[in-house]
Amino acid sequence: MKATFDFTGARVFVFGGTSGINLGIAKCFGAAGAAVAVASRKQEKVDAAVAELGAQAKGYALDVRDAEAVEAAMADWGETDVLISGAAGNFPAPAVAMSPNGFKSVVDIDLLGTFHVMKAAFPHLKKPGASVINISAPQAQVAMAMQSHVCAAKAGVDMLTKSLAIEWGSAGVRVNAISPGPIDDTEGMARLAPTEGARKAVKRSVPLRRYGAAEEIGRACLWLASDAAAYVSGAILPVDGGWLAAGVPLDLTQMG
C-alpha cells in the first residue's frame, strides 16, 4: 500500500526537474496537489516538462552554475515550501585521463550549483516550515573507480546539507539529502551501465535485486517534506535497495 500525501497549496521548486529522477520528483509533488517549478539548461526540455506537469507548473531555462540566473528564477517564483536541488553532471572516466575542466565541470554543477540554489532560495523559503532536499549519491560515502569527480562533489553536497541544517534550523527550515541508488530509465544509469551485461551486474549488486524507479525517489521526497518527517533534519537518506549498506560492490573499470 502506498502512503498518500497532500501538498495542495504548497509551492515546490525542483532544480534539474526536467528529466530522470528529478522529473519523477516533480511529478510526485504535482500529483499531490503542489504548484511546481522546474529548471534546467535546455528550453525545450523545460517546455516539455511544464507541459507534462500541467497548469500549475512553471519552468525556467538556466544553468545552476550561474548564481545570478538562479537568484532571478527564485525571485520570480517567490515563496517556496519545498526546494529540491538535483542538477548534476556525470561521466565515467579515470582520474589520470580526466581534464581539469572535466573534473571542475562536475564539481561546479553538483556542488557549487547546489550552493547557488540553496543560497538563492533561502530568502524565499517559508519560515518556519520549509523543507530543502538535496539529491546526493552513494559515491559521496563509498568510493568508486571512474567517479573521482562525482565522489568529491557529492561528498561536498552531503557536508553542505549538514552544515546548512545547523545554520537554518533556528529559522525552522529543515535541510536533508536523499542518496538514490541505481534508478532505471535515467541518463545516469545509461552512462554508468551502457551494456546489457553491465545492467545485469548492477542489478546483482543491489540487495533487493532490482533497479529503483524515479517515482520511488519522489515518494521519499514527499515523506521527507511532509509533517511526518517534521523532526528530521541534517539526514542523508539512502533510497537504494540496500546498495550503500552493501558497500556498492561495483567496479566500473570492468563494465565497458
Protein backbone atom coordinates (compact mmCIF):
# COMPACT_ATOMS: atom_id res chain seq x y z
CA MET A 1 0.00 0.00 0.00
CA LYS A 2 1.35 3.41 -0.98
CA ALA A 3 1.35 6.22 1.55
CA THR A 4 -0.55 9.30 0.38
CA PHE A 5 0.48 12.89 0.96
CA ASP A 6 -1.46 16.11 0.41
CA PHE A 7 0.57 19.10 -0.78
CA THR A 8 -2.39 21.13 -2.00
CA GLY A 9 -1.44 24.80 -1.87
CA ALA A 10 2.28 24.09 -1.46
CA ARG A 11 4.88 25.64 -3.75
CA VAL A 12 7.74 23.39 -4.82
CA PHE A 13 10.84 24.23 -6.88
CA VAL A 14 12.80 21.34 -8.42
CA PHE A 15 16.17 22.28 -9.91
CA GLY A 16 17.11 19.75 -12.56
CA GLY A 17 13.42 18.82 -12.69
CA THR A 18 13.01 18.25 -16.42
CA SER A 19 14.25 14.67 -16.72
CA GLY A 20 15.09 11.47 -14.90
CA ILE A 21 14.91 11.31 -11.14
CA ASN A 22 14.15 15.00 -10.73
CA LEU A 23 11.24 14.96 -13.18
CA GLY A 24 9.90 11.97 -11.27
CA ILE A 25 10.10 14.03 -8.08
CA ALA A 26 8.31 16.95 -9.71
CA LYS A 27 5.54 14.63 -10.94
CA CYS A 28 5.03 13.22 -7.45
CA PHE A 29 4.61 16.68 -5.93
CA GLY A 30 2.33 17.75 -8.77
CA ALA A 31 0.16 14.65 -8.29
CA ALA A 32 -0.01 15.51 -4.57
CA GLY A 33 -1.52 18.90 -5.40
CA ALA A 34 1.51 21.20 -5.31
CA ALA A 35 2.32 24.02 -7.71
CA VAL A 36 5.69 23.02 -9.15
CA ALA A 37 8.51 24.98 -10.78
CA VAL A 38 11.28 23.19 -12.66
CA ALA A 39 14.59 24.42 -14.01
CA SER A 40 17.28 23.06 -16.29
CA ARG A 41 19.57 24.30 -19.03
CA LYS A 42 17.65 23.48 -22.22
CA GLN A 43 14.50 25.44 -23.03
CA GLU A 44 12.94 22.57 -24.99
CA LYS A 45 13.28 20.21 -22.03
CA VAL A 46 11.82 22.85 -19.72
CA ASP A 47 8.84 23.35 -22.05
CA ALA A 48 8.23 19.60 -22.33
CA ALA A 49 8.34 19.11 -18.56
CA VAL A 50 5.97 22.01 -17.91
CA ALA A 51 3.51 20.63 -20.48
CA GLU A 52 3.66 17.25 -18.76
CA LEU A 53 3.26 18.70 -15.26
CA GLY A 54 0.17 20.73 -16.10
CA ALA A 55 -1.42 24.09 -15.43
CA GLN A 56 0.18 24.73 -12.03
CA ALA A 57 3.71 24.24 -13.36
CA LYS A 58 6.25 26.87 -14.37
CA GLY A 59 9.67 26.45 -15.96
CA TYR A 60 12.98 28.25 -16.10
CA ALA A 61 15.84 27.64 -18.53
CA LEU A 62 19.05 28.28 -16.59
CA ASP A 63 22.40 26.85 -15.56
CA VAL A 64 22.86 26.32 -11.82
CA ARG A 65 26.48 27.44 -12.24
CA ASP A 66 25.11 30.93 -12.94
CA ALA A 67 24.29 32.33 -9.50
CA GLU A 68 22.51 35.39 -10.87
CA ALA A 69 20.22 33.30 -13.07
CA VAL A 70 19.31 31.09 -10.12
CA GLU A 71 18.61 34.16 -7.97
CA ALA A 72 16.38 35.65 -10.66
CA ALA A 73 14.35 32.45 -11.01
CA MET A 74 13.84 32.15 -7.26
CA ALA A 75 12.78 35.81 -7.03
CA ASP A 76 10.28 35.29 -9.84
CA TRP A 77 8.84 32.11 -8.28
CA GLY A 78 8.63 33.60 -4.80
CA GLU A 79 7.65 31.85 -1.56
CA THR A 80 8.71 28.22 -1.57
CA ASP A 81 7.60 25.41 0.74
CA VAL A 82 9.82 22.69 -0.69
CA LEU A 83 13.14 23.12 -2.50
CA ILE A 84 14.75 20.23 -4.38
CA SER A 85 18.31 20.72 -5.64
CA GLY A 86 19.01 17.92 -8.09
CA ALA A 87 21.00 19.29 -11.03
CA ALA A 88 24.01 17.06 -11.63
CA GLY A 89 26.67 16.06 -14.12
CA ASN A 90 28.48 12.75 -14.54
CA PHE A 91 30.61 10.76 -16.94
CA PRO A 92 32.79 7.71 -16.21
CA ALA A 93 36.50 8.50 -16.52
CA PRO A 94 39.75 7.52 -14.80
CA ALA A 95 41.29 10.41 -12.90
CA VAL A 96 44.56 10.33 -14.87
CA ALA A 97 42.68 10.72 -18.15
CA MET A 98 40.31 13.42 -16.92
CA SER A 99 40.97 17.03 -17.85
CA PRO A 100 40.97 19.66 -15.10
CA ASN A 101 37.98 21.21 -16.82
CA GLY A 102 36.10 17.90 -16.81
CA PHE A 103 36.66 17.49 -13.08
CA LYS A 104 35.75 21.13 -12.47
CA SER A 105 32.56 20.96 -14.52
CA VAL A 106 31.10 18.19 -12.35
CA VAL A 107 32.13 19.91 -9.11
CA ASP A 108 30.70 23.19 -10.38
CA ILE A 109 27.35 21.67 -11.35
CA ASP A 110 26.91 19.31 -8.40
CA LEU A 111 28.47 21.19 -5.50
CA LEU A 112 28.74 24.85 -6.44
CA GLY A 113 25.35 24.60 -8.17
CA THR A 114 23.78 23.20 -5.01
CA PHE A 115 25.27 26.09 -3.03
CA HIS A 116 23.90 28.61 -5.54
CA VAL A 117 20.42 27.06 -5.36
CA MET A 118 20.30 26.94 -1.57
CA LYS A 119 21.71 30.44 -1.06
CA ALA A 120 19.35 31.97 -3.64
CA ALA A 121 16.36 30.12 -2.22
CA PHE A 122 16.82 30.99 1.45
CA PRO A 123 15.15 34.44 1.35
CA HIS A 124 12.10 32.85 -0.30
CA LEU A 125 11.76 29.74 1.87
CA LYS A 126 8.71 29.59 4.12
CA LYS A 127 9.89 30.20 7.67
CA PRO A 128 9.16 28.21 9.68
CA GLY A 129 8.19 25.08 7.83
CA ALA A 130 10.19 24.86 4.61
CA SER A 131 11.91 21.64 3.57
CA VAL A 132 15.10 21.58 1.50
CA ILE A 133 16.14 18.29 -0.11
CA ASN A 134 19.42 17.89 -1.97
CA ILE A 135 19.92 14.94 -4.29
CA SER A 136 23.19 13.24 -3.40
CA ALA A 137 24.62 9.87 -4.49
CA PRO A 138 26.19 6.76 -2.93
CA GLN A 139 29.55 7.94 -4.33
CA ALA A 140 29.55 10.54 -1.55
CA GLN A 141 30.11 7.80 1.02
CA VAL A 142 31.67 4.87 -0.84
CA ALA A 143 34.50 5.50 -3.29
CA MET A 144 34.03 4.25 -6.83
CA ALA A 145 36.58 3.91 -9.62
CA MET A 146 36.00 6.16 -12.66
CA GLN A 147 33.99 8.51 -10.43
CA SER A 148 36.56 10.62 -8.56
CA HIS A 149 34.88 13.86 -9.64
CA VAL A 150 31.43 12.70 -8.55
CA CYS A 151 32.75 11.27 -5.27
CA ALA A 152 34.37 14.61 -4.44
CA ALA A 153 31.37 16.71 -5.49
CA LYS A 154 28.68 14.65 -3.79
CA ALA A 155 30.68 14.31 -0.57
CA GLY A 156 30.68 18.10 -0.57
CA VAL A 157 26.90 18.14 -1.12
CA ASP A 158 26.42 15.89 1.90
CA MET A 159 28.50 18.13 4.16
CA LEU A 160 26.84 21.27 2.81
CA THR A 161 23.49 19.67 3.62
CA LYS A 162 24.53 19.02 7.20
CA SER A 163 26.13 22.43 7.67
CA LEU A 164 23.05 24.32 6.50
CA ALA A 165 20.75 22.09 8.56
CA ILE A 166 22.62 23.54 11.54
CA GLU A 167 22.62 27.13 10.28
CA TRP A 168 18.98 27.20 9.17
CA GLY A 169 17.41 25.15 11.94
CA SER A 170 16.66 28.20 14.07
CA ALA A 171 14.60 29.61 11.17
CA GLY A 172 12.50 26.44 11.14
CA VAL A 173 13.95 25.24 7.82
CA ARG A 174 14.81 21.55 7.56
CA VAL A 175 17.68 20.53 5.25
CA ASN A 176 18.19 16.92 4.22
CA ALA A 177 19.53 14.91 1.29
CA ILE A 178 18.45 11.76 -0.49
CA SER A 179 21.01 9.37 -1.92
CA PRO A 180 19.39 7.39 -4.76
CA GLY A 181 20.71 4.01 -5.78
CA PRO A 182 20.54 2.62 -9.33
CA ILE A 183 17.40 4.14 -10.86
CA ASP A 184 16.12 2.70 -14.14
CA ASP A 185 15.46 4.73 -17.28
CA THR A 186 17.78 7.58 -16.33
CA GLU A 187 20.65 9.16 -18.22
CA GLY A 188 22.97 8.50 -15.31
CA MET A 189 22.42 4.74 -15.36
CA ALA A 190 22.68 4.68 -19.14
CA ARG A 191 26.17 6.16 -18.79
CA LEU A 192 27.29 4.01 -15.85
CA ALA A 193 25.84 0.75 -17.23
CA PRO A 194 25.80 1.12 -21.03
CA THR A 195 25.54 -2.59 -21.93
CA GLU A 196 23.12 -5.36 -21.01
CA GLY A 197 25.91 -7.15 -19.17
CA ALA A 198 26.64 -4.05 -17.14
CA ARG A 199 22.94 -3.62 -16.34
CA LYS A 200 22.77 -7.17 -15.02
CA ALA A 201 25.89 -6.64 -12.92
CA VAL A 202 24.39 -3.53 -11.33
CA LYS A 203 21.14 -5.35 -10.62
CA ARG A 204 23.02 -8.22 -8.93
CA SER A 205 24.89 -5.72 -6.75
CA VAL A 206 21.66 -4.36 -5.23
CA PRO A 207 20.49 -6.39 -2.20
CA LEU A 208 16.84 -6.07 -3.33
CA ARG A 209 17.95 -7.38 -6.74
CA ARG A 210 16.19 -4.74 -8.80
CA TYR A 211 16.52 -1.23 -10.12
CA GLY A 212 14.61 1.57 -8.46
CA ALA A 213 12.16 3.88 -10.17
CA ALA A 214 12.15 7.68 -10.22
CA GLU A 215 8.73 7.60 -8.56
CA GLU A 216 10.28 5.84 -5.56
CA ILE A 217 12.68 8.74 -5.06
CA GLY A 218 9.73 11.09 -5.49
CA ARG A 219 7.72 9.32 -2.79
CA ALA A 220 10.71 9.52 -0.43
CA CYS A 221 10.83 13.27 -1.07
CA LEU A 222 7.11 13.55 -0.31
CA TRP A 223 7.66 11.89 3.05
CA LEU A 224 10.76 13.91 3.85
CA ALA A 225 8.97 17.18 3.00
CA SER A 226 5.83 16.25 4.96
CA ASP A 227 4.89 16.75 8.58
CA ALA A 228 5.57 13.04 9.07
CA ALA A 229 9.28 13.93 8.95
CA ALA A 230 8.98 17.21 10.92
CA TYR A 231 11.86 16.29 13.25
CA VAL A 232 14.22 15.07 10.52
CA SER A 233 16.99 17.49 9.56
CA GLY A 234 20.63 17.03 8.61
CA ALA A 235 19.98 13.48 7.40
CA ILE A 236 21.36 11.76 4.29
CA LEU A 237 18.66 9.22 3.43
CA PRO A 238 19.66 6.28 1.20
CA VAL A 239 16.87 5.19 -1.15
CA ASP A 240 18.83 2.49 -2.89
CA GLY A 241 17.54 -1.01 -2.21
CA GLY A 242 20.40 -1.58 0.26
CA TRP A 243 23.13 -0.67 -2.24
CA LEU A 244 25.01 1.62 0.15
CA ALA A 245 24.72 -0.88 3.00
CA ALA A 246 26.37 -3.43 0.72
CA GLY A 247 29.24 -1.05 0.07
CA VAL A 248 28.35 -0.51 -3.62
CA PRO A 249 30.39 -3.53 -4.74
CA LEU A 250 30.69 -2.26 -8.30
CA ASP A 251 33.82 -1.71 -10.41
CA LEU A 252 33.14 0.48 -13.42
CA THR A 253 36.55 -0.40 -14.86
CA GLN A 254 35.10 -3.86 -15.56
CA MET A 255 31.85 -2.63 -17.10
CA GLY A 256 32.65 -1.26 -20.57
